[in-house]
Amino acid sequence: MMTALKIEEHKKGFLRYLRRNRIRVEHRYCDAATLKCVTYEHYRGKVNWTSIDRFVKAQRNRVLCAPEMEIATNSGYKRFISSELSRRMCENAALYLLRSVATLKIKVVLVDEDGDRAGLCEYLSQYCDPIYVLSKETDIYAAQAEFLLNEKGAALRLCGDKSCLHDADLIIAPGRLEEALPCPSDALILTGEAPAVPQNAVTIYEYFFDLPSKFREICPDFLDEMYFASALYAMAGARELGSEVFTRCGDGTTIHTRGSLVGALKNRLLSRINS
């Protein structure tokens, strides 16, 4: 069950002082996804969160709403946010780019401090050898290195410090980057969340794709489609969205297409080869 909340304030007309606040509830369904849309209309400039509780109930700490909607600090409500789908889209974008430049030698570094993305190495081994991994989880990646060598004939090099990034072409960091990476300025960084600090190279963390029509039909008009997709993926079991590949992506300022991103990476590789 997902719950989307919209709060509407009516500020015009004298009769607004005579009207009572009201709540509208609508249910929408798609496959295993159930969405409850709650619209709260108020006329006197004050939101009664207790009245909304009756309809939102246990969903109050993960309610879907527009980012600009004001939530009272003492209300117990919290806007749903998840980077789970974005992290998966980061991985999908990396594999798409690697397929697109498969004829060129490329140095790829996977940044995975907690060892959560070790399974990605099996797919990366199809396009780059060796695979460089920056991680503190030596046991996890020692086992992964042995598997790749025995089963795929591919090498995995575990890096203990960030020096492996100095000549990296493509850096894959599904988790949030807390520090600036010491990489070339023309390298490409793919990550699953907006970095905590500015990076030294183009850093992609926004991914856009065409939401399947069946899900678009139940998406409330006050929610961004990619935000809604993240909720479908994390809360409603819509795991098929995890196979989507970006049609556009961004770094918070510039929007890139698949073609422009592939072109930028190819230019980096060709420049290095010719230097």
Protein backbone atom coordinates (compact mmCIF):
# COMPACT_ATOMS: atom_id res chain seq x y z
CA MET A 1 0.00 0.00 0.00
CA MET A 2 1.23 3.46 -0.94
CA THR A 3 -0.39 6.70 0.21
CA ALA A 4 -0.09 9.98 -1.68
CA LEU A 5 -1.05 13.19 0.09
CA LYS A 6 -1.95 16.56 -1.40
CA ILE A 7 -2.84 19.60 0.70
CA GLU A 8 -4.82 22.39 -0.93
CA GLU A 9 -5.38 25.77 0.67
CA HIS A 10 -8.20 27.96 -0.59
CA LYS A 11 -7.29 31.62 -0.03
CA LYS A 12 -9.84 33.48 -2.13
CA GLY A 13 -13.44 34.40 -1.42
CA PHE A 14 -15.14 35.50 1.78
CA LEU A 15 -17.09 32.24 2.03
CA ARG A 16 -13.89 30.33 2.73
CA TYR A 17 -14.28 31.41 6.40
CA LEU A 18 -17.64 29.65 6.54
CA ARG A 19 -16.59 26.39 4.94
CA ARG A 20 -15.32 23.34 6.75
CA ASN A 21 -12.13 21.53 5.80
CA ARG A 22 -12.70 18.36 3.86
CA ILE A 23 -10.82 15.25 2.76
CA ARG A 24 -11.21 13.32 -0.48
CA VAL A 25 -9.90 9.77 -0.82
CA GLU A 26 -9.41 7.81 -4.03
CA HIS A 27 -7.93 4.36 -4.58
CA ARG A 28 -5.99 3.36 -7.68
CA TYR A 29 -4.71 -0.08 -8.63
CA CYS A 30 -2.16 -1.54 -11.04
CA ASP A 31 -0.91 -5.13 -10.82
CA ALA A 32 0.14 -5.59 -7.19
CA ALA A 33 0.37 -1.84 -6.57
CA THR A 34 -2.33 -0.17 -4.49
CA LEU A 35 -2.30 3.60 -4.21
CA LYS A 36 -4.45 5.66 -1.87
CA CYS A 37 -4.69 9.32 -2.91
CA VAL A 38 -5.65 11.63 -0.05
CA THR A 39 -6.50 15.26 -0.81
CA TYR A 40 -6.95 17.61 2.15
CA GLU A 41 -8.71 20.92 1.46
CA HIS A 42 -8.57 23.66 4.08
CA TYR A 43 -9.99 27.17 4.10
CA ARG A 44 -8.69 28.85 7.24
CA GLY A 45 -4.92 28.60 6.74
CA LYS A 46 -4.36 25.79 9.23
CA VAL A 47 -3.84 22.07 8.58
CA ASN A 48 -5.39 19.62 11.02
CA TRP A 49 -2.95 16.72 10.84
CA THR A 50 -5.02 14.68 13.27
CA SER A 51 -7.88 14.69 10.77
CA ILE A 52 -5.54 13.44 8.04
CA ASP A 53 -4.26 10.65 10.32
CA ARG A 54 -7.56 8.86 10.03
CA PHE A 55 -6.93 8.22 6.34
CA VAL A 56 -3.15 7.95 6.19
CA LYS A 57 -2.63 5.85 9.31
CA ALA A 58 0.58 3.76 9.25
CA GLN A 59 1.81 5.40 6.05
CA ARG A 60 2.48 8.72 7.74
CA ASN A 61 6.26 8.13 7.96
CA ARG A 62 6.56 7.38 4.23
CA VAL A 63 3.87 9.42 2.55
CA LEU A 64 4.20 10.35 -1.10
CA CYS A 65 3.95 14.08 -1.67
CA ALA A 66 5.39 16.94 -3.69
CA PRO A 67 8.73 18.23 -2.34
CA GLU A 68 7.32 21.73 -1.81
CA MET A 69 4.50 20.52 0.45
CA GLU A 70 5.04 21.85 3.95
CA ILE A 71 4.98 19.23 6.70
CA ALA A 72 4.67 20.36 10.31
CA THR A 73 7.70 19.25 12.33
CA ASN A 74 5.54 17.89 15.16
CA SER A 75 3.05 16.11 12.88
CA GLY A 76 4.86 12.77 12.74
CA TYR A 77 4.69 12.86 8.94
CA LYS A 78 7.70 12.21 6.74
CA ARG A 79 8.02 12.39 2.98
CA PHE A 80 8.96 9.12 1.32
CA ILE A 81 12.44 9.18 -0.20
CA SER A 82 14.33 6.19 -1.60
CA SER A 83 17.48 5.90 -3.69
CA GLU A 84 16.99 2.18 -4.32
CA LEU A 85 15.78 2.56 -7.90
CA SER A 86 18.25 5.34 -8.67
CA ARG A 87 21.13 3.12 -7.58
CA ARG A 88 19.90 0.40 -9.87
CA MET A 89 19.57 2.91 -12.71
CA CYS A 90 23.17 3.96 -12.06
CA GLU A 91 24.29 0.37 -12.61
CA ASN A 92 22.13 0.00 -15.72
CA ALA A 93 23.56 3.23 -17.14
CA ALA A 94 27.11 1.97 -16.55
CA LEU A 95 26.45 -1.30 -18.38
CA TYR A 96 24.78 0.55 -21.26
CA LEU A 97 27.79 2.85 -21.65
CA LEU A 98 30.22 -0.05 -21.50
CA ARG A 99 28.31 -1.89 -24.23
CA SER A 100 28.46 1.27 -26.33
CA VAL A 101 32.26 1.61 -26.08
CA ALA A 102 33.05 -2.08 -26.00
CA THR A 103 35.68 -1.78 -28.76
CA LEU A 104 37.80 0.64 -26.70
CA LYS A 105 40.08 -0.12 -23.77
CA ILE A 106 38.58 1.39 -20.65
CA LYS A 107 39.51 1.62 -16.98
CA VAL A 108 36.47 1.21 -14.76
CA VAL A 109 36.52 1.66 -11.00
CA LEU A 110 33.63 0.50 -8.83
CA VAL A 111 33.36 2.47 -5.57
CA ASP A 112 31.59 0.24 -3.07
CA GLU A 113 32.63 0.95 0.50
CA ASP A 114 30.16 -1.46 2.10
CA GLY A 115 30.40 -4.32 -0.38
CA ASP A 116 26.73 -4.09 -1.32
CA ARG A 117 27.37 -4.12 -5.08
CA ALA A 118 29.77 -7.04 -5.41
CA GLY A 119 27.36 -8.84 -7.73
CA LEU A 120 27.74 -6.08 -10.30
CA CYS A 121 31.32 -7.20 -11.00
CA GLU A 122 30.13 -10.29 -12.86
CA TYR A 123 28.42 -8.05 -15.43
CA LEU A 124 31.29 -5.56 -15.57
CA SER A 125 33.70 -8.39 -16.38
CA GLN A 126 32.08 -8.71 -19.81
CA TYR A 127 33.44 -5.31 -20.81
CA CYS A 128 36.58 -4.60 -18.78
CA ASP A 129 39.47 -6.64 -17.48
CA PRO A 130 40.71 -6.09 -14.87
CA ILE A 131 37.90 -4.61 -12.80
CA TYR A 132 39.10 -2.15 -10.18
CA VAL A 133 37.16 -1.95 -6.92
CA LEU A 134 37.59 0.60 -4.17
CA SER A 135 36.17 -0.96 -1.00
CA LYS A 136 36.88 -1.71 2.64
CA GLU A 137 35.12 -5.07 2.44
CA THR A 138 38.15 -7.21 1.66
CA ASP A 139 36.51 -10.54 2.53
CA ILE A 140 33.52 -9.97 0.25
CA TYR A 141 35.67 -8.94 -2.68
CA ALA A 142 38.28 -11.63 -2.12
CA ALA A 143 35.51 -14.19 -2.62
CA GLN A 144 34.23 -12.28 -5.65
CA ALA A 145 37.73 -12.12 -7.17
CA GLU A 146 38.13 -15.87 -6.80
CA PHE A 147 34.74 -16.49 -8.42
CA LEU A 148 35.46 -14.22 -11.37
CA LEU A 149 38.87 -15.75 -11.99
CA ASN A 150 37.62 -19.33 -11.81
CA GLU A 151 34.29 -18.89 -13.60
CA LYS A 152 34.89 -15.98 -15.98
CA GLY A 153 38.65 -15.83 -16.37
CA ALA A 154 38.49 -12.18 -15.35
CA ALA A 155 40.65 -10.31 -12.87
CA LEU A 156 39.43 -8.14 -10.01
CA ARG A 157 41.85 -5.74 -8.34
CA LEU A 158 40.85 -4.55 -4.90
CA CYS A 159 42.20 -1.07 -4.13
CA GLY A 160 42.97 0.02 -0.60
CA ASP A 161 43.20 3.72 -1.39
CA LYS A 162 41.91 6.23 -3.92
CA SER A 163 45.06 6.25 -6.07
CA CYS A 164 43.34 3.85 -8.48
CA LEU A 165 41.05 6.73 -9.45
CA HIS A 166 43.83 8.95 -10.79
CA ASP A 167 43.57 7.56 -14.34
CA ALA A 168 40.02 6.18 -14.26
CA ASP A 169 37.78 6.64 -17.29
CA LEU A 170 34.47 5.58 -15.75
CA ILE A 171 33.70 5.56 -12.04
CA ILE A 172 30.62 3.73 -10.79
CA ALA A 173 29.52 4.71 -7.30
CA PRO A 174 25.93 3.63 -6.61
CA GLY A 175 26.08 4.92 -3.03
CA ARG A 176 26.30 8.55 -1.97
CA LEU A 177 29.70 10.18 -2.41
CA GLU A 178 30.72 11.94 0.79
CA GLU A 179 34.11 13.15 -0.48
CA ALA A 180 35.51 14.51 -3.74
CA LEU A 181 37.13 11.74 -5.79
CA PRO A 182 40.68 12.37 -7.12
CA CYS A 183 39.88 11.55 -10.74
CA PRO A 184 40.65 13.21 -14.12
CA SER A 185 38.43 16.17 -14.98
CA ASP A 186 37.27 14.46 -18.18
CA ALA A 187 36.36 11.21 -16.46
CA LEU A 188 32.70 10.28 -15.98
CA ILE A 189 31.16 9.51 -12.59
CA LEU A 190 27.87 7.63 -12.31
CA THR A 191 26.26 7.59 -8.89
CA GLY A 192 22.89 6.80 -7.38
CA GLU A 193 22.48 9.93 -5.25
CA ALA A 194 23.42 13.57 -5.35
CA PRO A 195 26.98 13.80 -3.95
CA ALA A 196 27.48 15.44 -0.58
CA VAL A 197 30.27 17.59 -2.06
CA PRO A 198 31.09 18.77 -5.61
CA GLN A 199 33.11 16.34 -7.70
CA ASN A 200 36.05 16.94 -10.03
CA ALA A 201 34.33 15.51 -13.10
CA VAL A 202 30.90 15.27 -14.70
CA THR A 203 28.77 13.43 -12.14
CA ILE A 204 25.46 11.88 -13.20
CA TYR A 205 22.93 11.12 -10.48
CA GLU A 206 19.53 11.84 -12.06
CA TYR A 207 18.05 9.24 -14.40
CA PHE A 208 14.89 9.57 -16.46
CA PHE A 209 12.99 6.98 -18.45
CA ASP A 210 9.50 6.60 -19.87
CA LEU A 211 7.30 5.24 -17.11
CA PRO A 212 5.21 2.35 -18.48
CA SER A 213 1.72 3.55 -19.36
CA LYS A 214 0.02 1.25 -16.85
CA PHE A 215 1.87 3.00 -14.03
CA ARG A 216 1.56 6.45 -15.58
CA GLU A 217 -2.22 6.08 -15.50
CA ILE A 218 -2.27 5.80 -11.71
CA CYS A 219 0.40 8.44 -11.02
CA PRO A 220 -1.15 11.50 -9.32
CA ASP A 221 -0.63 14.73 -11.28
CA PHE A 222 1.07 16.36 -8.28
CA LEU A 223 3.88 13.78 -8.20
CA ASP A 224 6.95 13.61 -10.43
CA GLU A 225 6.92 10.39 -12.46
CA MET A 226 10.46 9.34 -11.49
CA TYR A 227 9.67 9.96 -7.83
CA PHE A 228 6.55 7.84 -8.21
CA ALA A 229 8.61 5.14 -9.95
CA SER A 230 10.98 5.03 -6.98
CA ALA A 231 8.01 4.34 -4.70
CA LEU A 232 6.62 1.65 -7.00
CA TYR A 233 10.00 -0.06 -7.03
CA ALA A 234 10.69 0.17 -3.31
CA MET A 235 7.21 -0.29 -1.83
CA ALA A 236 4.90 -1.87 -4.39
CA GLY A 237 7.03 -4.69 -5.76
CA ALA A 238 7.33 -3.21 -9.27
CA ARG A 239 10.75 -4.79 -9.70
CA GLU A 240 10.45 -4.76 -13.50
CA LEU A 241 11.34 -1.07 -13.32
CA GLY A 242 14.82 -2.18 -12.30
CA SER A 243 15.51 -3.26 -15.89
CA GLU A 244 14.88 0.21 -17.33
CA VAL A 245 17.72 2.15 -18.96
CA PHE A 246 17.81 5.92 -18.91
CA THR A 247 16.61 7.91 -21.91
CA ARG A 248 17.95 11.12 -20.33
CA CYS A 249 20.14 11.77 -17.32
CA GLY A 250 21.45 14.76 -15.44
CA ASP A 251 23.93 16.24 -13.00
CA GLY A 252 21.54 18.70 -11.37
CA THR A 253 22.27 21.35 -14.01
CA THR A 254 22.73 19.78 -17.45
CA ILE A 255 20.55 17.14 -19.07
CA HIS A 256 22.34 14.51 -21.17
CA THR A 257 20.97 12.05 -23.69
CA ARG A 258 22.27 8.55 -24.18
CA GLY A 259 24.12 9.71 -27.28
CA SER A 260 25.76 12.73 -25.67
CA LEU A 261 26.94 10.70 -22.69
CA VAL A 262 28.37 7.94 -24.88
CA GLY A 263 30.07 10.61 -27.00
CA ALA A 264 31.68 12.23 -23.97
CA LEU A 265 33.04 8.91 -22.75
CA LYS A 266 34.37 7.99 -26.20
CA ASN A 267 36.14 11.35 -26.44
CA ARG A 268 37.83 10.66 -23.11
CA LEU A 269 38.98 7.20 -24.25
CA LEU A 270 40.20 8.33 -27.66
CA SER A 271 42.03 11.31 -26.17
CA ARG A 272 43.86 9.04 -23.76
CA ILE A 273 44.76 6.57 -26.52
CA ASN A 274 46.11 9.32 -28.77
CA SER A 275 48.08 11.09 -26.06
